[in-house]
PDB file of all heavy atoms in Angstrom:
ATOM      1  N   ILE A   1     -11.467  -4.529  -6.296  1.00  0.00           N
ATOM      2  CA  ILE A   1     -11.342  -3.414  -7.233  1.00  0.00           C
ATOM      3  C   ILE A   1     -10.016  -2.690  -7.022  1.00  0.00           C
ATOM      4  O   ILE A   1      -9.274  -2.405  -7.982  1.00  0.00           O
ATOM      5  CB  ILE A   1     -12.518  -2.423  -7.048  1.00  0.00           C
ATOM      6  CG1 ILE A   1     -13.828  -3.059  -7.517  1.00  0.00           C
ATOM      7  CG2 ILE A   1     -12.260  -1.119  -7.825  1.00  0.00           C
ATOM      8  CD1 ILE A   1     -15.065  -2.250  -7.127  1.00  0.00           C
ATOM      9  N   GLU A   2      -9.705  -2.391  -5.766  1.00  0.00           N
ATOM     10  CA  GLU A   2      -8.458  -1.670  -5.453  1.00  0.00           C
ATOM     11  C   GLU A   2      -7.235  -2.408  -5.941  1.00  0.00           C
ATOM     12  O   GLU A   2      -6.356  -1.828  -6.596  1.00  0.00           O
ATOM     13  CB  GLU A   2      -8.389  -1.444  -3.945  1.00  0.00           C
ATOM     14  CG  GLU A   2      -7.103  -0.753  -3.494  1.00  0.00           C
ATOM     15  CD  GLU A   2      -7.006  -0.623  -1.996  1.00  0.00           C
ATOM     16  OE1 GLU A   2      -7.986  -0.957  -1.280  1.00  0.00           O
ATOM     17  OE2 GLU A   2      -5.940  -0.195  -1.502  1.00  0.00           O
ATOM     18  N   GLN A   3      -7.159  -3.707  -5.658  1.00  0.00           N
ATOM     19  CA  GLN A   3      -5.968  -4.466  -6.014  1.00  0.00           C
ATOM     20  C   GLN A   3      -5.887  -4.732  -7.521  1.00  0.00           C
ATOM     21  O   GLN A   3      -4.801  -4.738  -8.107  1.00  0.00           O
ATOM     22  CB  GLN A   3      -5.942  -5.789  -5.248  1.00  0.00           C
ATOM     23  CG  GLN A   3      -5.765  -5.621  -3.751  1.00  0.00           C
ATOM     24  CD  GLN A   3      -4.518  -4.816  -3.401  1.00  0.00           C
ATOM     25  OE1 GLN A   3      -3.446  -5.037  -3.979  1.00  0.00           O
ATOM     26  NE2 GLN A   3      -4.653  -3.867  -2.465  1.00  0.00           N
ATOM     27  N   LEU A   4      -7.016  -4.923  -8.174  1.00  0.00           N
ATOM     28  CA  LEU A   4      -6.997  -5.147  -9.609  1.00  0.00           C
ATOM     29  C   LEU A   4      -6.610  -3.878 -10.369  1.00  0.00           C
ATOM     30  O   LEU A   4      -5.914  -3.949 -11.378  1.00  0.00           O
ATOM     31  CB  LEU A   4      -8.385  -5.649 -10.075  1.00  0.00           C
ATOM     32  CG  LEU A   4      -8.685  -7.094  -9.655  1.00  0.00           C
ATOM     33  CD1 LEU A   4     -10.181  -7.373  -9.770  1.00  0.00           C
ATOM     34  CD2 LEU A   4      -7.897  -8.091 -10.512  1.00  0.00           C
ATOM     35  N   GLU A   5      -7.028  -2.724  -9.864  1.00  0.00           N
ATOM     36  CA  GLU A   5      -6.613  -1.466 -10.498  1.00  0.00           C
ATOM     37  C   GLU A   5      -5.104  -1.260 -10.339  1.00  0.00           C
ATOM     38  O   GLU A   5      -4.434  -0.776 -11.255  1.00  0.00           O
ATOM     39  CB  GLU A   5      -7.385  -0.301  -9.880  1.00  0.00           C
ATOM     40  CG  GLU A   5      -8.846  -0.265 -10.317  1.00  0.00           C
ATOM     41  CD  GLU A   5      -9.629   0.918  -9.760  1.00  0.00           C
ATOM     42  OE1 GLU A   5      -9.096   1.579  -8.822  1.00  0.00           O
ATOM     43  OE2 GLU A   5     -10.725   1.193 -10.241  1.00  0.00           O
ATOM     44  N   LEU A   6      -4.573  -1.650  -9.187  1.00  0.00           N
ATOM     45  CA  LEU A   6      -3.113  -1.541  -8.993  1.00  0.00           C
ATOM     46  C   LEU A   6      -2.375  -2.499  -9.946  1.00  0.00           C
ATOM     47  O   LEU A   6      -1.342  -2.151 -10.500  1.00  0.00           O
ATOM     48  CB  LEU A   6      -2.747  -1.864  -7.547  1.00  0.00           C
ATOM     49  CG  LEU A   6      -3.163  -0.815  -6.495  1.00  0.00           C
ATOM     50  CD1 LEU A   6      -2.880  -1.330  -5.093  1.00  0.00           C
ATOM     51  CD2 LEU A   6      -2.438   0.509  -6.744  1.00  0.00           C
ATOM     52  N   LEU A   7      -2.932  -3.698 -10.114  1.00  0.00           N
ATOM     53  CA  LEU A   7      -2.290  -4.671 -11.015  1.00  0.00           C
ATOM     54  C   LEU A   7      -2.310  -4.156 -12.446  1.00  0.00           C
ATOM     55  O   LEU A   7      -1.330  -4.348 -13.192  1.00  0.00           O
ATOM     56  CB  LEU A   7      -2.997  -6.024 -10.916  1.00  0.00           C
ATOM     57  CG  LEU A   7      -2.480  -7.137 -11.815  1.00  0.00           C
ATOM     58  CD1 LEU A   7      -1.009  -7.412 -11.568  1.00  0.00           C
ATOM     59  CD2 LEU A   7      -3.302  -8.412 -11.624  1.00  0.00           C
ATOM     60  N   MET A   8      -3.407  -3.511 -12.877  1.00  0.00           N
ATOM     61  CA  MET A   8      -3.454  -2.971 -14.227  1.00  0.00           C
ATOM     62  C   MET A   8      -2.353  -1.942 -14.476  1.00  0.00           C
ATOM     63  O   MET A   8      -1.840  -1.820 -15.588  1.00  0.00           O
ATOM     64  CB  MET A   8      -4.818  -2.330 -14.477  1.00  0.00           C
ATOM     65  CG  MET A   8      -5.934  -3.330 -14.743  1.00  0.00           C
ATOM     66  SD  MET A   8      -7.460  -2.551 -15.360  1.00  0.00           S
ATOM     67  CE  MET A   8      -8.066  -1.760 -13.882  1.00  0.00           C
ATOM     68  N   LYS A   9      -1.943  -1.240 -13.438  1.00  0.00           N
ATOM     69  CA  LYS A   9      -0.893  -0.221 -13.554  1.00  0.00           C
ATOM     70  C   LYS A   9       0.506  -0.811 -13.391  1.00  0.00           C
ATOM     71  O   LYS A   9       1.486  -0.115 -13.657  1.00  0.00           O
ATOM     72  CB  LYS A   9      -1.106   0.868 -12.514  1.00  0.00           C
ATOM     73  CG  LYS A   9      -2.416   1.631 -12.667  1.00  0.00           C
ATOM     74  CD  LYS A   9      -2.604   2.605 -11.507  1.00  0.00           C
ATOM     75  CE  LYS A   9      -3.944   3.324 -11.596  1.00  0.00           C
ATOM     76  NZ  LYS A   9      -4.154   4.241 -10.444  1.00  0.00           N
ATOM     77  N   ALA A  10       0.592  -2.052 -12.949  1.00  0.00           N
ATOM     78  CA  ALA A  10       1.894  -2.658 -12.628  1.00  0.00           C
ATOM     79  C   ALA A  10       2.210  -3.812 -13.579  1.00  0.00           C
ATOM     80  O   ALA A  10       2.609  -4.905 -13.160  1.00  0.00           O
ATOM     81  CB  ALA A  10       1.901  -3.138 -11.178  1.00  0.00           C
ATOM     82  N   ARG A  11       2.037  -3.593 -14.856  1.00  0.00           N
ATOM     83  CA  ARG A  11       2.252  -4.652 -15.837  1.00  0.00           C
ATOM     84  C   ARG A  11       3.365  -4.263 -16.811  1.00  0.00           C
ATOM     85  O   ARG A  11       3.688  -3.087 -16.977  1.00  0.00           O
ATOM     86  CB  ARG A  11       0.957  -4.920 -16.596  1.00  0.00           C
ATOM     87  CG  ARG A  11       0.485  -3.768 -17.454  1.00  0.00           C
ATOM     88  CD  ARG A  11      -0.801  -4.110 -18.192  1.00  0.00           C
ATOM     89  NE  ARG A  11      -1.107  -3.111 -19.213  1.00  0.00           N
ATOM     90  CZ  ARG A  11      -1.905  -2.079 -19.056  1.00  0.00           C
ATOM     91  NH1 ARG A  11      -2.492  -1.875 -17.869  1.00  0.00           N
ATOM     92  NH2 ARG A  11      -2.132  -1.229 -20.050  1.00  0.00           N
ATOM     93  N   LYS A  12       3.912  -5.264 -17.455  1.00  0.00           N
ATOM     94  CA  LYS A  12       4.909  -5.014 -18.498  1.00  0.00           C
ATOM     95  C   LYS A  12       4.802  -6.093 -19.564  1.00  0.00           C
ATOM     96  O   LYS A  12       4.164  -7.136 -19.371  1.00  0.00           O
ATOM     97  CB  LYS A  12       6.318  -5.022 -17.907  1.00  0.00           C
ATOM     98  CG  LYS A  12       6.799  -6.353 -17.351  1.00  0.00           C
ATOM     99  CD  LYS A  12       8.239  -6.233 -16.838  1.00  0.00           C
ATOM    100  CE  LYS A  12       8.740  -7.557 -16.276  1.00  0.00           C
ATOM    101  NZ  LYS A  12      10.134  -7.422 -15.739  1.00  0.00           N
ATOM    102  N   HIS A  13       5.419  -5.834 -20.715  1.00  0.00           N
ATOM    103  CA  HIS A  13       5.390  -6.773 -21.830  1.00  0.00           C
ATOM    104  C   HIS A  13       6.656  -7.632 -21.824  1.00  0.00           C
ATOM    105  O   HIS A  13       7.737  -7.178 -21.495  1.00  0.00           O
ATOM    106  CB  HIS A  13       5.294  -6.027 -23.168  1.00  0.00           C
ATOM    107  CG  HIS A  13       3.963  -5.401 -23.407  1.00  0.00           C
ATOM    108  ND1 HIS A  13       2.944  -6.056 -24.064  1.00  0.00           N
ATOM    109  CD2 HIS A  13       3.486  -4.180 -23.087  1.00  0.00           C
ATOM    110  CE1 HIS A  13       1.884  -5.259 -24.128  1.00  0.00           C
ATOM    111  NE2 HIS A  13       2.186  -4.118 -23.548  1.00  0.00           N
ATOM    112  N   CYS A  14       6.485  -8.870 -22.236  1.00  0.00           N
ATOM    113  CA  CYS A  14       7.600  -9.793 -22.379  1.00  0.00           C
ATOM    114  C   CYS A  14       8.500  -9.329 -23.529  1.00  0.00           C
ATOM    115  O   CYS A  14       8.007  -8.923 -24.581  1.00  0.00           O
ATOM    116  CB  CYS A  14       7.061 -11.195 -22.625  1.00  0.00           C
ATOM    117  SG  CYS A  14       8.315 -12.447 -23.037  1.00  0.00           S
ATOM    118  N   ARG A  15       9.795  -9.419 -23.343  1.00  0.00           N
ATOM    119  CA  ARG A  15      10.710  -8.981 -24.409  1.00  0.00           C
ATOM    120  C   ARG A  15      10.820 -10.009 -25.532  1.00  0.00           C
ATOM    121  O   ARG A  15      11.342  -9.715 -26.613  1.00  0.00           O
ATOM    122  CB  ARG A  15      12.102  -8.672 -23.860  1.00  0.00           C
ATOM    123  CG  ARG A  15      12.787  -9.824 -23.148  1.00  0.00           C
ATOM    124  CD  ARG A  15      13.956  -9.301 -22.317  1.00  0.00           C
ATOM    125  NE  ARG A  15      14.638 -10.365 -21.604  1.00  0.00           N
ATOM    126  CZ  ARG A  15      15.751 -10.960 -22.005  1.00  0.00           C
ATOM    127  NH1 ARG A  15      16.303 -10.581 -23.160  1.00  0.00           N
ATOM    128  NH2 ARG A  15      16.316 -11.918 -21.297  1.00  0.00           N
ATOM    129  N   PHE A  16      10.325 -11.235 -25.293  1.00  0.00           N
ATOM    130  CA  PHE A  16      10.358 -12.273 -26.328  1.00  0.00           C
ATOM    131  C   PHE A  16       9.037 -12.363 -27.091  1.00  0.00           C
ATOM    132  O   PHE A  16       9.036 -12.705 -28.267  1.00  0.00           O
ATOM    133  CB  PHE A  16      10.681 -13.627 -25.709  1.00  0.00           C
ATOM    134  CG  PHE A  16      12.031 -13.685 -25.062  1.00  0.00           C
ATOM    135  CD1 PHE A  16      12.150 -13.746 -23.677  1.00  0.00           C
ATOM    136  CD2 PHE A  16      13.183 -13.683 -25.824  1.00  0.00           C
ATOM    137  CE1 PHE A  16      13.393 -13.814 -23.079  1.00  0.00           C
ATOM    138  CE2 PHE A  16      14.434 -13.747 -25.238  1.00  0.00           C
ATOM    139  CZ  PHE A  16      14.548 -13.806 -23.861  1.00  0.00           C
ATOM    140  N   ASP A  17       7.933 -12.088 -26.406  1.00  0.00           N
ATOM    141  CA  ASP A  17       6.621 -12.178 -27.034  1.00  0.00           C
ATOM    142  C   ASP A  17       5.755 -11.034 -26.535  1.00  0.00           C
ATOM    143  O   ASP A  17       5.334 -11.027 -25.383  1.00  0.00           O
ATOM    144  CB  ASP A  17       5.961 -13.511 -26.678  1.00  0.00           C
ATOM    145  CG  ASP A  17       4.687 -13.780 -27.482  1.00  0.00           C
ATOM    146  OD1 ASP A  17       4.076 -12.810 -27.952  1.00  0.00           O
ATOM    147  OD2 ASP A  17       4.317 -14.946 -27.640  1.00  0.00           O
ATOM    148  N   PRO A  18       5.471 -10.043 -27.368  1.00  0.00           N
ATOM    149  CA  PRO A  18       4.695  -8.863 -26.934  1.00  0.00           C
ATOM    150  C   PRO A  18       3.285  -9.203 -26.495  1.00  0.00           C
ATOM    151  O   PRO A  18       2.615  -8.395 -25.829  1.00  0.00           O
ATOM    152  CB  PRO A  18       4.697  -7.963 -28.169  1.00  0.00           C
ATOM    153  CG  PRO A  18       4.972  -8.865 -29.319  1.00  0.00           C
ATOM    154  CD  PRO A  18       5.879  -9.940 -28.791  1.00  0.00           C
ATOM    155  N   ALA A  19       2.784 -10.391 -26.850  1.00  0.00           N
ATOM    156  CA  ALA A  19       1.444 -10.797 -26.401  1.00  0.00           C
ATOM    157  C   ALA A  19       1.449 -11.180 -24.915  1.00  0.00           C
ATOM    158  O   ALA A  19       0.405 -11.248 -24.306  1.00  0.00           O
ATOM    159  CB  ALA A  19       0.934 -11.970 -27.231  1.00  0.00           C
ATOM    160  N   HIS A  20       2.628 -11.412 -24.374  1.00  0.00           N
ATOM    161  CA  HIS A  20       2.738 -11.794 -22.956  1.00  0.00           C
ATOM    162  C   HIS A  20       2.845 -10.545 -22.092  1.00  0.00           C
ATOM    163  O   HIS A  20       3.838  -9.823 -22.146  1.00  0.00           O
ATOM    164  CB  HIS A  20       3.977 -12.677 -22.738  1.00  0.00           C
ATOM    165  CG  HIS A  20       3.895 -14.029 -23.391  1.00  0.00           C
ATOM    166  ND1 HIS A  20       4.947 -14.912 -23.410  1.00  0.00           N
ATOM    167  CD2 HIS A  20       2.860 -14.631 -24.036  1.00  0.00           C
ATOM    168  CE1 HIS A  20       4.580 -16.004 -24.042  1.00  0.00           C
ATOM    169  NE2 HIS A  20       3.322 -15.857 -24.426  1.00  0.00           N
ATOM    170  N   VAL A  21       1.820 -10.308 -21.323  1.00  0.00           N
ATOM    171  CA  VAL A  21       1.792  -9.183 -20.385  1.00  0.00           C
ATOM    172  C   VAL A  21       1.706  -9.776 -18.986  1.00  0.00           C
ATOM    173  O   VAL A  21       0.914 -10.688 -18.722  1.00  0.00           O
ATOM    174  CB  VAL A  21       0.585  -8.265 -20.639  1.00  0.00           C
ATOM    175  CG1 VAL A  21       0.516  -7.154 -19.614  1.00  0.00           C
ATOM    176  CG2 VAL A  21       0.669  -7.684 -22.054  1.00  0.00           C
ATOM    177  N   TYR A  22       2.535  -9.263 -18.061  1.00  0.00           N
ATOM    178  CA  TYR A  22       2.568  -9.856 -16.732  1.00  0.00           C
ATOM    179  C   TYR A  22       3.004  -8.823 -15.682  1.00  0.00           C
ATOM    180  O   TYR A  22       3.368  -7.687 -16.022  1.00  0.00           O
ATOM    181  CB  TYR A  22       3.499 -11.067 -16.703  1.00  0.00           C
ATOM    182  CG  TYR A  22       4.949 -10.798 -17.082  1.00  0.00           C
ATOM    183  CD1 TYR A  22       5.927 -10.579 -16.091  1.00  0.00           C
ATOM    184  CD2 TYR A  22       5.347 -10.745 -18.406  1.00  0.00           C
ATOM    185  CE1 TYR A  22       7.243 -10.341 -16.430  1.00  0.00           C
ATOM    186  CE2 TYR A  22       6.670 -10.494 -18.766  1.00  0.00           C
ATOM    187  CZ  TYR A  22       7.613 -10.300 -17.761  1.00  0.00           C
ATOM    188  OH  TYR A  22       8.924 -10.046 -18.109  1.00  0.00           O
ATOM    189  N   PHE A  23       2.958  -9.207 -14.423  1.00  0.00           N
ATOM    190  CA  PHE A  23       3.311  -8.342 -13.297  1.00  0.00           C
ATOM    191  C   PHE A  23       4.758  -7.901 -13.418  1.00  0.00           C
ATOM    192  O   PHE A  23       5.666  -8.728 -13.519  1.00  0.00           O
ATOM    193  CB  PHE A  23       3.077  -9.091 -11.995  1.00  0.00           C
ATOM    194  CG  PHE A  23       3.414  -8.350 -10.744  1.00  0.00           C
ATOM    195  CD1 PHE A  23       3.072  -7.000 -10.600  1.00  0.00           C
ATOM    196  CD2 PHE A  23       4.033  -8.971  -9.666  1.00  0.00           C
ATOM    197  CE1 PHE A  23       3.382  -6.297  -9.436  1.00  0.00           C
ATOM    198  CE2 PHE A  23       4.343  -8.287  -8.526  1.00  0.00           C
ATOM    199  CZ  PHE A  23       4.021  -6.944  -8.395  1.00  0.00           C
ATOM    200  N   ARG A  24       4.978  -6.603 -13.423  1.00  0.00           N
ATOM    201  CA  ARG A  24       6.300  -6.058 -13.761  1.00  0.00           C
ATOM    202  C   ARG A  24       7.404  -6.363 -12.759  1.00  0.00           C
ATOM    203  O   ARG A  24       8.586  -6.229 -13.081  1.00  0.00           O
ATOM    204  CB  ARG A  24       6.189  -4.550 -13.969  1.00  0.00           C
ATOM    205  CG  ARG A  24       5.901  -3.750 -12.688  1.00  0.00           C
ATOM    206  CD  ARG A  24       5.670  -2.295 -13.036  1.00  0.00           C
ATOM    207  NE  ARG A  24       5.334  -1.494 -11.860  1.00  0.00           N
ATOM    208  CZ  ARG A  24       4.768  -0.302 -11.928  1.00  0.00           C
ATOM    209  NH1 ARG A  24       4.500   0.230 -13.114  1.00  0.00           N
ATOM    210  NH2 ARG A  24       4.479   0.365 -10.828  1.00  0.00           N
ATOM    211  N   GLN A  25       7.077  -6.793 -11.564  1.00  0.00           N
ATOM    212  CA  GLN A  25       8.118  -7.086 -10.578  1.00  0.00           C
ATOM    213  C   GLN A  25       8.695  -8.489 -10.717  1.00  0.00           C
ATOM    214  O   GLN A  25       9.639  -8.846 -10.027  1.00  0.00           O
ATOM    215  CB  GLN A  25       7.588  -6.866  -9.149  1.00  0.00           C
ATOM    216  CG  GLN A  25       7.313  -5.405  -8.839  1.00  0.00           C
ATOM    217  CD  GLN A  25       7.026  -5.173  -7.352  1.00  0.00           C
ATOM    218  OE1 GLN A  25       7.259  -6.024  -6.517  1.00  0.00           O
ATOM    219  NE2 GLN A  25       6.473  -4.009  -7.044  1.00  0.00           N
ATOM    220  N   LEU A  26       8.134  -9.286 -11.633  1.00  0.00           N
ATOM    221  CA  LEU A  26       8.680 -10.609 -11.870  1.00  0.00           C
ATOM    222  C   LEU A  26       9.942 -10.507 -12.727  1.00  0.00           C
ATOM    223  O   LEU A  26       9.999  -9.691 -13.650  1.00  0.00           O
ATOM    224  CB  LEU A  26       7.658 -11.502 -12.566  1.00  0.00           C
ATOM    225  CG  LEU A  26       6.348 -11.788 -11.813  1.00  0.00           C
ATOM    226  CD1 LEU A  26       5.446 -12.662 -12.694  1.00  0.00           C
ATOM    227  CD2 LEU A  26       6.633 -12.483 -10.481  1.00  0.00           C
ATOM    228  N   SER A  27      10.890 -11.359 -12.447  1.00  0.00           N
ATOM    229  CA  SER A  27      12.146 -11.327 -13.222  1.00  0.00           C
ATOM    230  C   SER A  27      11.998 -12.047 -14.544  1.00  0.00           C
ATOM    231  O   SER A  27      12.708 -11.762 -15.520  1.00  0.00           O
ATOM    232  CB  SER A  27      13.283 -11.927 -12.426  1.00  0.00           C
ATOM    233  OG  SER A  27      12.963 -13.237 -12.001  1.00  0.00           O
ATOM    234  N   ASN A  28      11.074 -13.020 -14.613  1.00  0.00           N
ATOM    235  CA  ASN A  28      10.881 -13.782 -15.849  1.00  0.00           C
ATOM    236  C   ASN A  28       9.397 -13.845 -16.197  1.00  0.00           C
ATOM    237  O   ASN A  28       8.538 -13.777 -15.327  1.00  0.00           O
ATOM    238  CB  ASN A  28      11.422 -15.210 -15.688  1.00  0.00           C
ATOM    239  CG  ASN A  28      12.917 -15.238 -15.478  1.00  0.00           C
ATOM    240  OD1 ASN A  28      13.692 -14.737 -16.286  1.00  0.00           O
ATOM    241  ND2 ASN A  28      13.358 -15.825 -14.366  1.00  0.00           N
ATOM    242  N   CYS A  29       9.128 -13.992 -17.504  1.00  0.00           N
ATOM    243  CA  CYS A  29       7.754 -14.030 -17.980  1.00  0.00           C
ATOM    244  C   CYS A  29       7.086 -15.356 -17.596  1.00  0.00           C
ATOM    245  O   CYS A  29       7.546 -16.439 -17.999  1.00  0.00           O
ATOM    246  CB  CYS A  29       7.737 -13.847 -19.494  1.00  0.00           C
ATOM    247  SG  CYS A  29       6.109 -14.082 -20.243  1.00  0.00           S
ATOM    248  N   PRO A  30       5.978 -15.324 -16.846  1.00  0.00           N
ATOM    249  CA  PRO A  30       5.313 -16.569 -16.459  1.00  0.00           C
ATOM    250  C   PRO A  30       4.640 -17.286 -17.645  1.00  0.00           C
ATOM    251  O   PRO A  30       4.505 -18.514 -17.630  1.00  0.00           O
ATOM    252  CB  PRO A  30       4.275 -16.115 -15.431  1.00  0.00           C
ATOM    253  CG  PRO A  30       4.001 -14.682 -15.771  1.00  0.00           C
ATOM    254  CD  PRO A  30       5.291 -14.140 -16.264  1.00  0.00           C
ATOM    255  N   TRP A  31       4.213 -16.511 -18.665  1.00  0.00           N
ATOM    256  CA  TRP A  31       3.576 -17.134 -19.808  1.00  0.00           C
ATOM    257  C   TRP A  31       4.575 -17.913 -20.645  1.00  0.00           C
ATOM    258  O   TRP A  31       4.236 -18.993 -21.175  1.00  0.00           O
ATOM    259  CB  TRP A  31       2.878 -16.078 -20.654  1.00  0.00           C
ATOM    260  CG  TRP A  31       1.878 -15.273 -19.875  1.00  0.00           C
ATOM    261  CD1 TRP A  31       1.937 -13.941 -19.559  1.00  0.00           C
ATOM    262  CD2 TRP A  31       0.651 -15.767 -19.278  1.00  0.00           C
ATOM    263  NE1 TRP A  31       0.848 -13.578 -18.823  1.00  0.00           N
ATOM    264  CE2 TRP A  31       0.038 -14.660 -18.630  1.00  0.00           C
ATOM    265  CE3 TRP A  31       0.034 -17.011 -19.247  1.00  0.00           C
ATOM    266  CZ2 TRP A  31      -1.169 -14.775 -17.948  1.00  0.00           C
ATOM    267  CZ3 TRP A  31      -1.169 -17.131 -18.572  1.00  0.00           C
ATOM    268  CH2 TRP A  31      -1.772 -16.030 -17.913  1.00  0.00           C
ATOM    269  N   CYS A  32       5.792 -17.425 -20.727  1.00  0.00           N
ATOM    270  CA  CYS A  32       6.853 -18.185 -21.393  1.00  0.00           C
ATOM    271  C   CYS A  32       7.126 -19.471 -20.628  1.00  0.00           C
ATOM    272  O   CYS A  32       7.322 -20.543 -21.219  1.00  0.00           O
ATOM    273  CB  CYS A  32       8.141 -17.356 -21.488  1.00  0.00           C
ATOM    274  SG  CYS A  32       8.098 -16.044 -22.721  1.00  0.00           S
ATOM    275  N   ARG A  33       7.134 -19.390 -19.282  1.00  0.00           N
ATOM    276  CA  ARG A  33       7.354 -20.567 -18.459  1.00  0.00           C
ATOM    277  C   ARG A  33       6.265 -21.606 -18.701  1.00  0.00           C
ATOM    278  O   ARG A  33       6.559 -22.814 -18.845  1.00  0.00           O
ATOM    279  CB  ARG A  33       7.375 -20.181 -16.973  1.00  0.00           C
ATOM    280  CG  ARG A  33       7.669 -21.340 -16.029  1.00  0.00           C
ATOM    281  CD  ARG A  33       7.294 -21.023 -14.602  1.00  0.00           C
ATOM    282  NE  ARG A  33       5.843 -20.960 -14.422  1.00  0.00           N
ATOM    283  CZ  ARG A  33       5.220 -19.951 -13.832  1.00  0.00           C
ATOM    284  NH1 ARG A  33       5.874 -18.914 -13.378  1.00  0.00           N
ATOM    285  NH2 ARG A  33       3.885 -19.990 -13.705  1.00  0.00           N
ATOM    286  N   VAL A  34       5.007 -21.158 -18.758  1.00  0.00           N
ATOM    287  CA  VAL A  34       3.897 -22.071 -18.992  1.00  0.00           C
ATOM    288  C   VAL A  34       4.059 -22.780 -20.323  1.00  0.00           C
ATOM    289  O   VAL A  34       3.880 -24.006 -20.438  1.00  0.00           O
ATOM    290  CB  VAL A  34       2.548 -21.312 -18.948  1.00  0.00           C
ATOM    291  CG1 VAL A  34       1.418 -22.169 -19.498  1.00  0.00           C
ATOM    292  CG2 VAL A  34       2.224 -20.875 -17.522  1.00  0.00           C
ATOM    293  N   GLU A  35       4.431 -22.049 -21.366  1.00  0.00           N
ATOM    294  CA  GLU A  35       4.618 -22.648 -22.678  1.00  0.00           C
ATOM    295  C   GLU A  35       5.817 -23.579 -22.697  1.00  0.00           C
ATOM    296  O   GLU A  35       5.779 -24.654 -23.309  1.00  0.00           O
ATOM    297  CB  GLU A  35       4.764 -21.564 -23.727  1.00  0.00           C
ATOM    298  CG  GLU A  35       3.482 -20.758 -23.943  1.00  0.00           C
ATOM    299  CD  GLU A  35       3.625 -19.659 -24.982  1.00  0.00           C
ATOM    300  OE1 GLU A  35       4.681 -19.629 -25.679  1.00  0.00           O
ATOM    301  OE2 GLU A  35       2.703 -18.840 -25.126  1.00  0.00           O
ATOM    302  N   ASP A  36       6.887 -23.221 -21.983  1.00  0.00           N
ATOM    303  CA  ASP A  36       8.075 -24.076 -21.887  1.00  0.00           C
ATOM    304  C   ASP A  36       7.778 -25.382 -21.147  1.00  0.00           C
ATOM    305  O   ASP A  36       8.432 -26.405 -21.372  1.00  0.00           O
ATOM    306  CB  ASP A  36       9.228 -23.350 -21.195  1.00  0.00           C
ATOM    307  CG  ASP A  36       9.796 -22.218 -22.037  1.00  0.00           C
ATOM    308  OD1 ASP A  36       9.531 -22.192 -23.254  1.00  0.00           O
ATOM    309  OD2 ASP A  36      10.492 -21.343 -21.485  1.00  0.00           O
ATOM    310  N   GLU A  37       6.791 -25.324 -20.239  1.00  0.00           N
ATOM    311  CA  GLU A  37       6.399 -26.539 -19.498  1.00  0.00           C
ATOM    312  C   GLU A  37       5.459 -27.427 -20.297  1.00  0.00           C
ATOM    313  O   GLU A  37       4.971 -28.437 -19.773  1.00  0.00           O
ATOM    314  CB  GLU A  37       5.735 -26.132 -18.177  1.00  0.00           C
ATOM    315  CG  GLU A  37       6.693 -25.486 -17.175  1.00  0.00           C
ATOM    316  CD  GLU A  37       5.970 -24.966 -15.924  1.00  0.00           C
ATOM    317  OE1 GLU A  37       4.721 -25.004 -15.911  1.00  0.00           O
ATOM    318  OE2 GLU A  37       6.662 -24.550 -14.985  1.00  0.00           O
TER     319      GLU A  37
END
């Protein structure tokens, strides 16, 4: 519960696709990477 609540507060939207929400400390969107793969 504690860690999931922190993750909910530490998210950001992808600048290429607003449907992609991910951990804000990542430099690149992981969902874009998955689709590119």
